[in-house]
Structures are given as structure tokens and as C-alpha cells.
Amino acid sequence: MDFRIEKKENIALIGYQKTINRIDYKENYQEISACWVALTEEKVEQLLTVAAEKTAGFYGVSDSNQPQLSVFNYMIGVKRHEAKDALKILTSIHLPESSWAVYTCEGAIAQAVSTSDTDQLNNLMKRKNQLKAPWQFEAMQENRALPRIEYYPLGDMMSNAYVCELWIPIKEG
């Protein structure tokens, strides 16, 4: 799975956030999956009322790259339209302009996320479980001050041809 480096302008995201316990110092995929299952049609509509782009897709935002913590925050959100008022139950996150290692991941997402069989991890989950980044010998390192981002464009998440992205924030070392 190759990656590319992208500089992204500041991003405003808004969504439903939950604090989740880690399992063996890693993300708890079953709880993350439960967050997606709990994303009802009503909640999707609430997100779309404050979305800057109605057809772009959804973001999974995880601050699990803070290894010293026993919990992490996970948010399902959209790019926020700044001029629209948000419901109080939604959380806003503003990410500054930054460089990201962007991985394109192909394969069914929904089925693999809901399984507890580690042999069934999808490409995105495999990448998130890796301890060493492929750029470790370059003059870059993960910027742990920013969360990792999963980008899920609209489409059939059960399809083996589904494509999503994992963004890992980086900084020059």
C-alpha cells in the first residue's frame, strides 16, 4: 500500500464524538464499528445540514495516536460549513494547514470492521496497526499533535472495489 504526501489547507470538521477505551494499547475496532452502526439516518441528516459538501463523504477522526492514554476520542463527521449553526450535541474540530501521508485503501470496509477475527482486517485497519511508518528513514515523523483521519467517500462500503483513505499527519524531523 503506497502513500503520497499531501499538504492540506486547514480543515473544519463537525460530527458525533465518543470516548472509547483502548484494547491492548490499540484502537478498539468493535467500538468504532458500533459508532458507525449508531449513525442513524436522522443523525446523517443532522450532519448534512451543517456540511460544506453534501456529496463528499464522511470522516472518521481518531486521536488514538496518543499511545500514553488508555482512551481515545473517535468522531464521525463531515467538513463543516462555517456559516451554519450546529447542534450542541455535535463536536467541532479545526485542523491547521498540515502535511499528511495519504494512503489509498481498497476493499470492503463495513464487513471487516465488525469482525473480531484479526485475519479479516481490511487494508485501512492493517495500516493503522503498523507500528513503524514506511517513511521512518526519511526526515519525517508522525505529528501526534493532530489526529489521524479516515476518509470514506460515498459509495458501497461492502464492495471489494470500495476505496477510502487514511491520512496520517506528518512533520519534518
C-alpha atoms as a PDB file:
ATOM      1  CA  MET A   1       0.000   0.000   0.000  1.00  0.00           C
ATOM      2  CA  ASP A   2       1.718   3.128  -1.243  1.00  0.00           C
ATOM      3  CA  PHE A   3       1.338   6.586   0.192  1.00  0.00           C
ATOM      4  CA  ARG A   4       1.720  10.112  -1.073  1.00  0.00           C
ATOM      5  CA  ILE A   5       2.484  13.297   0.840  1.00  0.00           C
ATOM      6  CA  GLU A   6      -0.187  15.990   0.565  1.00  0.00           C
ATOM      7  CA  LYS A   7      -0.270  19.456   2.049  1.00  0.00           C
ATOM      8  CA  LYS A   8      -3.855  20.206   3.033  1.00  0.00           C
ATOM      9  CA  GLU A   9      -5.300  23.569   3.945  1.00  0.00           C
ATOM     10  CA  ASN A  10      -6.935  23.990   7.338  1.00  0.00           C
ATOM     11  CA  ILE A  11      -9.991  21.801   7.680  1.00  0.00           C
ATOM     12  CA  ALA A  12     -13.063  22.347   9.848  1.00  0.00           C
ATOM     13  CA  LEU A  13     -14.879  19.116  10.717  1.00  0.00           C
ATOM     14  CA  ILE A  14     -18.025  18.572  12.742  1.00  0.00           C
ATOM     15  CA  GLY A  15     -19.602  15.372  13.964  1.00  0.00           C
ATOM     16  CA  TYR A  16     -20.577  12.922  16.663  1.00  0.00           C
ATOM     17  CA  GLN A  17     -17.702  12.137  19.023  1.00  0.00           C
ATOM     18  CA  LYS A  18     -17.286   9.335  21.541  1.00  0.00           C
ATOM     19  CA  THR A  19     -14.537   8.494  24.037  1.00  0.00           C
ATOM     20  CA  ILE A  20     -13.508   4.848  23.637  1.00  0.00           C
ATOM     21  CA  ASN A  21     -11.344   2.517  25.742  1.00  0.00           C
ATOM     22  CA  ARG A  22      -8.294   1.038  24.038  1.00  0.00           C
ATOM     23  CA  ILE A  23      -7.690  -2.681  23.669  1.00  0.00           C
ATOM     24  CA  ASP A  24      -4.036  -3.700  24.101  1.00  0.00           C
ATOM     25  CA  TYR A  25      -2.975  -0.069  23.541  1.00  0.00           C
ATOM     26  CA  LYS A  26      -4.642  -0.038  20.114  1.00  0.00           C
ATOM     27  CA  GLU A  27      -7.882   1.227  18.677  1.00  0.00           C
ATOM     28  CA  ASN A  28     -10.999  -0.661  19.661  1.00  0.00           C
ATOM     29  CA  TYR A  29     -12.408  -1.574  16.248  1.00  0.00           C
ATOM     30  CA  GLN A  30     -15.598  -3.082  17.650  1.00  0.00           C
ATOM     31  CA  GLU A  31     -16.472   0.187  19.436  1.00  0.00           C
ATOM     32  CA  ILE A  32     -15.604   2.198  16.335  1.00  0.00           C
ATOM     33  CA  SER A  33     -17.873  -0.093  14.338  1.00  0.00           C
ATOM     34  CA  ALA A  34     -20.630   0.475  16.929  1.00  0.00           C
ATOM     35  CA  CYS A  35     -20.267   4.237  16.362  1.00  0.00           C
ATOM     36  CA  TRP A  36     -20.921   3.736  12.664  1.00  0.00           C
ATOM     37  CA  VAL A  37     -23.881   1.442  13.356  1.00  0.00           C
ATOM     38  CA  ALA A  38     -25.323   4.129  15.674  1.00  0.00           C
ATOM     39  CA  LEU A  39     -25.137   6.679  12.847  1.00  0.00           C
ATOM     40  CA  THR A  40     -28.851   6.661  12.072  1.00  0.00           C
ATOM     41  CA  GLU A  41     -30.471   8.299   9.079  1.00  0.00           C
ATOM     42  CA  GLU A  42     -31.598  11.119  11.393  1.00  0.00           C
ATOM     43  CA  LYS A  43     -28.012  11.721  12.550  1.00  0.00           C
ATOM     44  CA  VAL A  44     -26.766  11.682   8.953  1.00  0.00           C
ATOM     45  CA  GLU A  45     -29.383  14.308   8.082  1.00  0.00           C
ATOM     46  CA  GLN A  46     -28.251  16.424  11.055  1.00  0.00           C
ATOM     47  CA  LEU A  47     -24.665  16.246   9.809  1.00  0.00           C
ATOM     48  CA  LEU A  48     -25.673  17.135   6.274  1.00  0.00           C
ATOM     49  CA  THR A  49     -27.451  20.292   7.485  1.00  0.00           C
ATOM     50  CA  VAL A  50     -24.069  21.680   8.607  1.00  0.00           C
ATOM     51  CA  ALA A  51     -21.923  20.090   5.887  1.00  0.00           C
ATOM     52  CA  ALA A  52     -19.914  22.180   3.470  1.00  0.00           C
ATOM     53  CA  GLU A  53     -20.167  19.433   0.833  1.00  0.00           C
ATOM     54  CA  LYS A  54     -23.241  17.198   0.754  1.00  0.00           C
ATOM     55  CA  THR A  55     -21.782  14.562  -1.588  1.00  0.00           C
ATOM     56  CA  ALA A  56     -18.164  14.349  -0.452  1.00  0.00           C
ATOM     57  CA  GLY A  57     -18.318  11.630   2.187  1.00  0.00           C
ATOM     58  CA  PHE A  58     -17.640  11.126   5.870  1.00  0.00           C
ATOM     59  CA  TYR A  59     -14.568  11.381   8.075  1.00  0.00           C
ATOM     60  CA  GLY A  60     -13.506   9.159  10.943  1.00  0.00           C
ATOM     61  CA  VAL A  61     -11.267  11.214  13.234  1.00  0.00           C
ATOM     62  CA  SER A  62      -9.158   9.399  15.826  1.00  0.00           C
ATOM     63  CA  ASP A  63      -6.690  10.769  18.346  1.00  0.00           C
ATOM     64  CA  SER A  64      -5.547   7.209  19.118  1.00  0.00           C
ATOM     65  CA  ASN A  65      -2.017   8.180  18.081  1.00  0.00           C
ATOM     66  CA  GLN A  66      -1.505   9.333  21.697  1.00  0.00           C
ATOM     67  CA  PRO A  67      -0.112   5.992  22.964  1.00  0.00           C
ATOM     68  CA  GLN A  68       0.190   7.018  26.617  1.00  0.00           C
ATOM     69  CA  LEU A  69      -3.587   7.334  27.033  1.00  0.00           C
ATOM     70  CA  SER A  70      -5.913   4.463  27.949  1.00  0.00           C
ATOM     71  CA  VAL A  71      -8.775   6.017  25.964  1.00  0.00           C
ATOM     72  CA  PHE A  72      -9.100   7.870  22.681  1.00  0.00           C
ATOM     73  CA  ASN A  73     -11.715  10.033  21.009  1.00  0.00           C
ATOM     74  CA  TYR A  74     -13.351   8.941  17.781  1.00  0.00           C
ATOM     75  CA  MET A  75     -15.556  11.249  15.747  1.00  0.00           C
ATOM     76  CA  ILE A  76     -17.686  10.577  12.692  1.00  0.00           C
ATOM     77  CA  GLY A  77     -18.116  13.816  10.849  1.00  0.00           C
ATOM     78  CA  VAL A  78     -18.235  15.932   7.733  1.00  0.00           C
ATOM     79  CA  LYS A  79     -16.489  19.078   6.530  1.00  0.00           C
ATOM     80  CA  ARG A  80     -18.255  21.918   8.291  1.00  0.00           C
ATOM     81  CA  HIS A  81     -19.944  24.836   6.592  1.00  0.00           C
ATOM     82  CA  GLU A  82     -18.795  27.631   8.923  1.00  0.00           C
ATOM     83  CA  ALA A  83     -21.832  29.847   8.348  1.00  0.00           C
ATOM     84  CA  LYS A  84     -24.305  27.236   9.589  1.00  0.00           C
ATOM     85  CA  ASP A  85     -25.240  26.843  13.243  1.00  0.00           C
ATOM     86  CA  ALA A  86     -24.517  23.427  14.712  1.00  0.00           C
ATOM     87  CA  LEU A  87     -26.444  21.365  17.204  1.00  0.00           C
ATOM     88  CA  LYS A  88     -24.942  21.347  20.692  1.00  0.00           C
ATOM     89  CA  ILE A  89     -24.515  17.561  20.583  1.00  0.00           C
ATOM     90  CA  LEU A  90     -22.006  17.889  17.736  1.00  0.00           C
ATOM     91  CA  THR A  91     -18.276  18.379  18.239  1.00  0.00           C
ATOM     92  CA  SER A  92     -16.207  20.709  16.050  1.00  0.00           C
ATOM     93  CA  ILE A  93     -12.558  20.136  15.239  1.00  0.00           C
ATOM     94  CA  HIS A  94     -10.340  22.626  13.425  1.00  0.00           C
ATOM     95  CA  LEU A  95      -7.180  21.212  11.878  1.00  0.00           C
ATOM     96  CA  PRO A  96      -4.479  23.665  10.805  1.00  0.00           C
ATOM     97  CA  GLU A  97      -2.764  23.521   7.434  1.00  0.00           C
ATOM     98  CA  SER A  98      -0.552  20.469   7.580  1.00  0.00           C
ATOM     99  CA  SER A  99       1.209  17.766   5.616  1.00  0.00           C
ATOM    100  CA  TRP A 100      -0.307  14.293   5.571  1.00  0.00           C
ATOM    101  CA  ALA A 101       0.803  10.863   4.442  1.00  0.00           C
ATOM    102  CA  VAL A 102      -2.260   9.749   2.486  1.00  0.00           C
ATOM    103  CA  TYR A 103      -2.856   6.034   1.953  1.00  0.00           C
ATOM    104  CA  THR A 104      -5.410   4.783  -0.525  1.00  0.00           C
ATOM    105  CA  CYS A 105      -7.037   1.625   0.811  1.00  0.00           C
ATOM    106  CA  GLU A 106      -9.128  -0.665  -1.373  1.00  0.00           C
ATOM    107  CA  GLY A 107     -11.567  -3.283  -0.155  1.00  0.00           C
ATOM    108  CA  ALA A 108     -14.794  -3.827   1.749  1.00  0.00           C
ATOM    109  CA  ILE A 109     -14.804  -1.751   4.932  1.00  0.00           C
ATOM    110  CA  ALA A 110     -18.067  -2.438   6.740  1.00  0.00           C
ATOM    111  CA  GLN A 111     -17.726  -6.223   6.954  1.00  0.00           C
ATOM    112  CA  ALA A 112     -14.116  -6.221   8.152  1.00  0.00           C
ATOM    113  CA  VAL A 113     -14.596  -3.544  10.804  1.00  0.00           C
ATOM    114  CA  SER A 114     -17.352  -5.502  12.523  1.00  0.00           C
ATOM    115  CA  THR A 115     -15.389  -8.729  12.872  1.00  0.00           C
ATOM    116  CA  SER A 116     -13.166  -9.708  15.781  1.00  0.00           C
ATOM    117  CA  ASP A 117     -11.074 -12.039  13.589  1.00  0.00           C
ATOM    118  CA  THR A 118      -7.701 -10.315  13.170  1.00  0.00           C
ATOM    119  CA  ASP A 119      -7.165 -12.247   9.929  1.00  0.00           C
ATOM    120  CA  GLN A 120     -10.098 -10.316   8.455  1.00  0.00           C
ATOM    121  CA  LEU A 121      -8.642  -6.826   8.913  1.00  0.00           C
ATOM    122  CA  ASN A 122      -9.185  -4.603   5.903  1.00  0.00           C
ATOM    123  CA  ASN A 123      -6.301  -2.634   4.380  1.00  0.00           C
ATOM    124  CA  LEU A 124      -7.108   0.503   6.347  1.00  0.00           C
ATOM    125  CA  MET A 125      -7.101  -1.389   9.655  1.00  0.00           C
ATOM    126  CA  LYS A 126      -3.839  -3.157   8.757  1.00  0.00           C
ATOM    127  CA  ARG A 127      -2.164   0.175   8.051  1.00  0.00           C
ATOM    128  CA  LYS A 128      -3.409   1.638  11.339  1.00  0.00           C
ATOM    129  CA  ASN A 129      -1.985  -1.342  13.255  1.00  0.00           C
ATOM    130  CA  GLN A 130       1.518  -0.944  11.881  1.00  0.00           C
ATOM    131  CA  LEU A 131       3.951   0.349  14.443  1.00  0.00           C
ATOM    132  CA  LYS A 132       6.547   1.796  12.065  1.00  0.00           C
ATOM    133  CA  ALA A 133       5.726   4.200   9.295  1.00  0.00           C
ATOM    134  CA  PRO A 134       7.210   3.487   5.857  1.00  0.00           C
ATOM    135  CA  TRP A 135       8.901   6.882   5.833  1.00  0.00           C
ATOM    136  CA  GLN A 136      10.829   6.175   9.064  1.00  0.00           C
ATOM    137  CA  PHE A 137      14.198   6.600   7.332  1.00  0.00           C
ATOM    138  CA  GLU A 138      13.193   9.881   5.736  1.00  0.00           C
ATOM    139  CA  ALA A 139      13.267  13.207   7.551  1.00  0.00           C
ATOM    140  CA  MET A 140       9.618  12.924   8.616  1.00  0.00           C
ATOM    141  CA  GLN A 141       7.710  11.672  11.627  1.00  0.00           C
ATOM    142  CA  GLU A 142       4.088  11.451  12.669  1.00  0.00           C
ATOM    143  CA  ASN A 143       2.735  14.716  14.040  1.00  0.00           C
ATOM    144  CA  ARG A 144       0.994  13.378  17.145  1.00  0.00           C
ATOM    145  CA  ALA A 145      -0.484  16.806  17.901  1.00  0.00           C
ATOM    146  CA  LEU A 146      -3.038  16.129  15.158  1.00  0.00           C
ATOM    147  CA  PRO A 147      -5.456  13.207  14.867  1.00  0.00           C
ATOM    148  CA  ARG A 148      -5.405  10.527  12.219  1.00  0.00           C
ATOM    149  CA  ILE A 149      -8.171  10.845   9.652  1.00  0.00           C
ATOM    150  CA  GLU A 150     -10.108   8.177   7.788  1.00  0.00           C
ATOM    151  CA  TYR A 151     -11.907   9.492   4.707  1.00  0.00           C
ATOM    152  CA  TYR A 152     -14.884   7.479   3.467  1.00  0.00           C
ATOM    153  CA  PRO A 153     -16.326   8.787   0.191  1.00  0.00           C
ATOM    154  CA  LEU A 154     -19.935   7.955  -0.552  1.00  0.00           C
ATOM    155  CA  GLY A 155     -20.180   4.513  -2.136  1.00  0.00           C
ATOM    156  CA  ASP A 156     -20.708   0.823  -1.484  1.00  0.00           C
ATOM    157  CA  MET A 157     -18.576   0.075   1.595  1.00  0.00           C
ATOM    158  CA  MET A 158     -19.291  -3.655   1.195  1.00  0.00           C
ATOM    159  CA  SER A 159     -17.720  -3.768  -2.267  1.00  0.00           C
ATOM    160  CA  ASN A 160     -14.222  -5.196  -2.695  1.00  0.00           C
ATOM    161  CA  ALA A 161     -13.632  -2.275  -5.080  1.00  0.00           C
ATOM    162  CA  TYR A 162     -14.512   0.390  -2.463  1.00  0.00           C
ATOM    163  CA  VAL A 163     -11.693   2.921  -1.997  1.00  0.00           C
ATOM    164  CA  CYS A 164     -11.135   5.030   1.128  1.00  0.00           C
ATOM    165  CA  GLU A 165      -8.150   6.916   2.534  1.00  0.00           C
ATOM    166  CA  LEU A 166      -6.143   7.031   5.736  1.00  0.00           C
ATOM    167  CA  TRP A 167      -4.438  10.353   6.459  1.00  0.00           C
ATOM    168  CA  ILE A 168      -1.565  10.348   8.936  1.00  0.00           C
ATOM    169  CA  PRO A 169      -0.336  13.806   9.978  1.00  0.00           C
ATOM    170  CA  ILE A 170       3.397  14.248   9.483  1.00  0.00           C
ATOM    171  CA  LYS A 171       6.067  16.776  10.265  1.00  0.00           C
ATOM    172  CA  GLU A 172       9.614  17.193   9.090  1.00  0.00           C
ATOM    173  CA  GLY A 173      12.003  15.872  11.712  1.00  0.00           C
END
